[in-house]
N, C-alpha and C. Protein backbone atom coordinates (compact mmCIF):
# COMPACT_ATOMS: atom_id res chain seq x y z
N MET A 1 33.83 26.59 -5.95
CA MET A 1 35.12 26.33 -6.57
C MET A 1 35.28 24.84 -6.90
N ILE A 2 34.81 23.97 -6.03
CA ILE A 2 34.93 22.54 -6.26
C ILE A 2 34.07 22.13 -7.46
N THR A 3 32.88 22.69 -7.57
CA THR A 3 32.02 22.38 -8.70
C THR A 3 32.66 22.85 -10.00
N ALA A 4 33.25 24.03 -10.00
CA ALA A 4 33.92 24.55 -11.20
C ALA A 4 35.07 23.64 -11.61
N LEU A 5 35.81 23.14 -10.64
CA LEU A 5 36.90 22.21 -10.93
C LEU A 5 36.37 20.93 -11.56
N GLY A 6 35.28 20.42 -11.03
CA GLY A 6 34.66 19.22 -11.59
C GLY A 6 34.15 19.43 -13.00
N VAL A 7 33.54 20.56 -13.24
CA VAL A 7 33.04 20.87 -14.59
C VAL A 7 34.21 21.02 -15.55
N LEU A 8 35.27 21.69 -15.15
CA LEU A 8 36.45 21.83 -16.00
C LEU A 8 37.06 20.47 -16.33
N ALA A 9 37.18 19.62 -15.33
CA ALA A 9 37.71 18.27 -15.56
C ALA A 9 36.82 17.50 -16.53
N ALA A 10 35.52 17.61 -16.36
CA ALA A 10 34.57 16.92 -17.23
C ALA A 10 34.69 17.43 -18.67
N VAL A 11 34.77 18.72 -18.85
CA VAL A 11 34.88 19.29 -20.20
C VAL A 11 36.17 18.85 -20.86
N LEU A 12 37.28 18.95 -20.15
CA LEU A 12 38.57 18.61 -20.74
C LEU A 12 38.67 17.14 -21.11
N THR A 13 38.24 16.26 -20.22
CA THR A 13 38.36 14.83 -20.53
C THR A 13 37.39 14.40 -21.62
N THR A 14 36.25 15.05 -21.71
CA THR A 14 35.28 14.72 -22.75
C THR A 14 35.75 15.25 -24.10
N VAL A 15 36.17 16.50 -24.14
CA VAL A 15 36.62 17.12 -25.38
C VAL A 15 37.88 16.44 -25.91
N SER A 16 38.66 15.83 -25.05
CA SER A 16 39.89 15.17 -25.50
C SER A 16 39.60 14.03 -26.48
N TRP A 17 38.39 13.49 -26.46
CA TRP A 17 38.02 12.40 -27.36
C TRP A 17 37.65 12.89 -28.76
N LEU A 18 37.31 14.14 -28.92
CA LEU A 18 36.85 14.65 -30.21
C LEU A 18 37.85 14.43 -31.35
N PRO A 19 39.14 14.76 -31.19
CA PRO A 19 40.08 14.52 -32.29
C PRO A 19 40.17 13.04 -32.67
N GLN A 20 40.12 12.16 -31.69
CA GLN A 20 40.22 10.73 -31.98
C GLN A 20 38.98 10.23 -32.71
N VAL A 21 37.82 10.67 -32.28
CA VAL A 21 36.58 10.26 -32.95
C VAL A 21 36.57 10.80 -34.37
N ARG A 22 36.94 12.06 -34.54
CA ARG A 22 36.97 12.67 -35.87
C ARG A 22 37.91 11.88 -36.79
N ARG A 23 39.09 11.54 -36.29
CA ARG A 23 40.06 10.80 -37.11
C ARG A 23 39.55 9.39 -37.43
N THR A 24 39.00 8.73 -36.43
CA THR A 24 38.50 7.36 -36.63
C THR A 24 37.39 7.33 -37.67
N VAL A 25 36.46 8.25 -37.57
CA VAL A 25 35.34 8.28 -38.50
C VAL A 25 35.82 8.71 -39.90
N SER A 26 36.69 9.70 -39.98
CA SER A 26 37.12 10.18 -41.30
C SER A 26 38.01 9.17 -42.02
N THR A 27 38.84 8.43 -41.28
CA THR A 27 39.69 7.42 -41.93
C THR A 27 38.97 6.09 -42.06
N ARG A 28 37.83 5.97 -41.40
CA ARG A 28 37.06 4.73 -41.37
C ARG A 28 37.91 3.56 -40.88
N SER A 29 38.74 3.85 -39.89
CA SER A 29 39.60 2.80 -39.35
C SER A 29 39.69 2.93 -37.83
N ALA A 30 39.36 1.84 -37.15
CA ALA A 30 39.51 1.77 -35.70
C ALA A 30 40.39 0.57 -35.36
N ARG A 31 41.21 0.17 -36.31
CA ARG A 31 42.05 -1.02 -36.17
C ARG A 31 42.97 -0.94 -34.95
N ASP A 32 43.44 0.25 -34.62
CA ASP A 32 44.38 0.39 -33.50
C ASP A 32 43.74 0.27 -32.13
N PHE A 33 42.42 0.25 -32.07
CA PHE A 33 41.72 0.07 -30.80
C PHE A 33 41.46 -1.41 -30.59
N SER A 34 41.86 -1.94 -29.45
CA SER A 34 41.54 -3.34 -29.16
C SER A 34 40.11 -3.42 -28.64
N TRP A 35 39.47 -4.56 -28.88
CA TRP A 35 38.12 -4.77 -28.38
C TRP A 35 38.09 -4.74 -26.86
N ALA A 36 39.10 -5.32 -26.23
CA ALA A 36 39.15 -5.33 -24.76
C ALA A 36 39.18 -3.90 -24.22
N TYR A 37 40.01 -3.06 -24.81
CA TYR A 37 40.11 -1.66 -24.39
C TYR A 37 38.76 -0.96 -24.51
N LEU A 38 38.14 -1.10 -25.68
CA LEU A 38 36.86 -0.43 -25.91
C LEU A 38 35.77 -0.92 -24.97
N LEU A 39 35.73 -2.22 -24.72
CA LEU A 39 34.70 -2.77 -23.83
C LEU A 39 34.92 -2.35 -22.38
N VAL A 40 36.16 -2.43 -21.92
CA VAL A 40 36.45 -2.06 -20.52
C VAL A 40 36.24 -0.57 -20.31
N LEU A 41 36.74 0.25 -21.22
CA LEU A 41 36.57 1.70 -21.07
C LEU A 41 35.10 2.09 -21.15
N SER A 42 34.37 1.52 -22.10
CA SER A 42 32.94 1.83 -22.21
C SER A 42 32.19 1.40 -20.95
N GLY A 43 32.54 0.25 -20.40
CA GLY A 43 31.92 -0.19 -19.15
C GLY A 43 32.21 0.77 -18.01
N GLY A 44 33.46 1.20 -17.91
CA GLY A 44 33.83 2.14 -16.86
C GLY A 44 33.13 3.48 -17.01
N VAL A 45 33.08 3.98 -18.22
CA VAL A 45 32.42 5.26 -18.48
C VAL A 45 30.92 5.14 -18.20
N GLY A 46 30.34 4.00 -18.58
CA GLY A 46 28.93 3.77 -18.26
C GLY A 46 28.68 3.75 -16.76
N CYS A 47 29.60 3.13 -16.03
CA CYS A 47 29.47 3.11 -14.56
C CYS A 47 29.59 4.51 -13.98
N TRP A 48 30.51 5.31 -14.53
CA TRP A 48 30.62 6.70 -14.06
C TRP A 48 29.34 7.48 -14.32
N ALA A 49 28.72 7.25 -15.48
CA ALA A 49 27.46 7.93 -15.78
C ALA A 49 26.38 7.51 -14.78
N ALA A 50 26.32 6.21 -14.48
CA ALA A 50 25.35 5.71 -13.49
C ALA A 50 25.64 6.31 -12.12
N TYR A 51 26.90 6.42 -11.77
CA TYR A 51 27.30 7.04 -10.50
C TYR A 51 26.82 8.50 -10.47
N GLY A 52 26.99 9.19 -11.59
CA GLY A 52 26.53 10.58 -11.67
C GLY A 52 25.03 10.68 -11.47
N VAL A 53 24.28 9.73 -12.02
CA VAL A 53 22.83 9.72 -11.82
C VAL A 53 22.52 9.48 -10.35
N ALA A 54 23.20 8.51 -9.75
CA ALA A 54 22.95 8.19 -8.33
C ALA A 54 23.29 9.38 -7.42
N ARG A 55 24.31 10.13 -7.79
CA ARG A 55 24.73 11.30 -7.00
C ARG A 55 24.02 12.58 -7.43
N ASP A 56 23.22 12.47 -8.50
CA ASP A 56 22.52 13.64 -9.04
C ASP A 56 23.53 14.74 -9.39
N ASP A 57 24.61 14.34 -10.08
CA ASP A 57 25.69 15.26 -10.44
C ASP A 57 25.69 15.44 -11.95
N LEU A 58 25.17 16.56 -12.41
CA LEU A 58 24.99 16.80 -13.83
C LEU A 58 26.32 16.78 -14.60
N ALA A 59 27.38 17.31 -14.01
CA ALA A 59 28.68 17.32 -14.70
C ALA A 59 29.15 15.90 -14.98
N ILE A 60 29.04 15.02 -14.03
CA ILE A 60 29.46 13.62 -14.21
C ILE A 60 28.56 12.93 -15.23
N ILE A 61 27.26 13.18 -15.13
CA ILE A 61 26.31 12.55 -16.06
C ILE A 61 26.60 12.98 -17.49
N LEU A 62 26.69 14.28 -17.73
CA LEU A 62 26.88 14.78 -19.09
C LEU A 62 28.23 14.36 -19.67
N ALA A 63 29.28 14.52 -18.89
CA ALA A 63 30.62 14.19 -19.40
C ALA A 63 30.70 12.72 -19.80
N ASN A 64 30.20 11.86 -18.96
CA ASN A 64 30.33 10.44 -19.23
C ASN A 64 29.35 9.94 -20.28
N THR A 65 28.18 10.56 -20.36
CA THR A 65 27.23 10.20 -21.40
C THR A 65 27.78 10.61 -22.78
N LEU A 66 28.35 11.80 -22.86
CA LEU A 66 28.93 12.25 -24.12
C LEU A 66 30.15 11.41 -24.49
N THR A 67 30.98 11.08 -23.51
CA THR A 67 32.15 10.24 -23.77
C THR A 67 31.71 8.86 -24.25
N LEU A 68 30.69 8.31 -23.62
CA LEU A 68 30.18 7.01 -24.03
C LEU A 68 29.65 7.07 -25.47
N ALA A 69 28.98 8.14 -25.82
CA ALA A 69 28.49 8.29 -27.20
C ALA A 69 29.65 8.32 -28.18
N MET A 70 30.74 9.00 -27.84
CA MET A 70 31.90 9.04 -28.73
C MET A 70 32.57 7.67 -28.82
N LEU A 71 32.64 6.97 -27.71
CA LEU A 71 33.19 5.62 -27.73
C LEU A 71 32.34 4.70 -28.60
N LEU A 72 31.03 4.85 -28.52
CA LEU A 72 30.14 4.04 -29.34
C LEU A 72 30.31 4.35 -30.83
N ALA A 73 30.65 5.59 -31.17
CA ALA A 73 30.94 5.93 -32.56
C ALA A 73 32.20 5.19 -33.03
N ILE A 74 33.19 5.09 -32.17
CA ILE A 74 34.41 4.35 -32.50
C ILE A 74 34.09 2.87 -32.63
N VAL A 75 33.30 2.34 -31.70
CA VAL A 75 32.90 0.92 -31.76
C VAL A 75 32.14 0.65 -33.06
N ALA A 76 31.22 1.52 -33.43
CA ALA A 76 30.44 1.33 -34.66
C ALA A 76 31.37 1.33 -35.87
N THR A 77 32.32 2.23 -35.89
CA THR A 77 33.28 2.28 -36.99
C THR A 77 34.09 0.99 -37.04
N LYS A 78 34.51 0.51 -35.88
CA LYS A 78 35.29 -0.73 -35.83
C LYS A 78 34.46 -1.92 -36.32
N VAL A 79 33.20 -2.00 -35.91
CA VAL A 79 32.33 -3.10 -36.34
C VAL A 79 32.17 -3.07 -37.86
N VAL A 80 31.86 -1.91 -38.40
CA VAL A 80 31.61 -1.79 -39.85
C VAL A 80 32.88 -2.11 -40.64
N THR A 81 34.00 -1.57 -40.23
CA THR A 81 35.23 -1.77 -41.01
C THR A 81 35.76 -3.18 -40.86
N GLU A 82 35.62 -3.79 -39.69
CA GLU A 82 36.10 -5.16 -39.53
C GLU A 82 35.19 -6.15 -40.25
N ARG A 83 33.92 -5.87 -40.28
CA ARG A 83 32.98 -6.75 -40.99
C ARG A 83 33.28 -6.70 -42.49
N GLY A 84 33.63 -5.52 -42.99
CA GLY A 84 33.92 -5.38 -44.41
C GLY A 84 35.27 -5.94 -44.82
N SER A 85 36.18 -6.15 -43.87
CA SER A 85 37.52 -6.61 -44.22
C SER A 85 37.72 -8.10 -44.03
N ARG A 86 36.69 -8.81 -43.60
CA ARG A 86 36.80 -10.27 -43.39
C ARG A 86 36.84 -10.97 -44.74
N PRO A 87 37.69 -11.98 -44.83
CA PRO A 87 37.71 -12.74 -46.08
C PRO A 87 36.42 -13.56 -46.25
N ALA A 88 36.01 -13.70 -47.47
CA ALA A 88 34.75 -14.42 -47.75
C ALA A 88 34.92 -15.92 -47.64
C-alpha cells in the first residue's frame, strides 16, 4: 500500500507539469518563469532523483527524471526566446 501511494504521488506530481510544458512550448514563451525558480526547482528535482538512485527507488527516480526533463524543456524555451528578444 505504501508503494502504491508513492507511485500515485509520483505520477500525479509529474503529470501536473505536462500542461505547463505544452503551453510553454506552444506559445514559445517562458517569460513568467524566473531564472531563480527554474534553477532552484531543477536542483531540488535533481537531488530527489539522486536520492531515488541512492535508495534504489524506481518511482522516485522515474518521477524526478521525467520532471527534470520537462523543466529542461522550459529552460530551453526560455533560453531560445530570451536570446531572440535581446536588443542588438
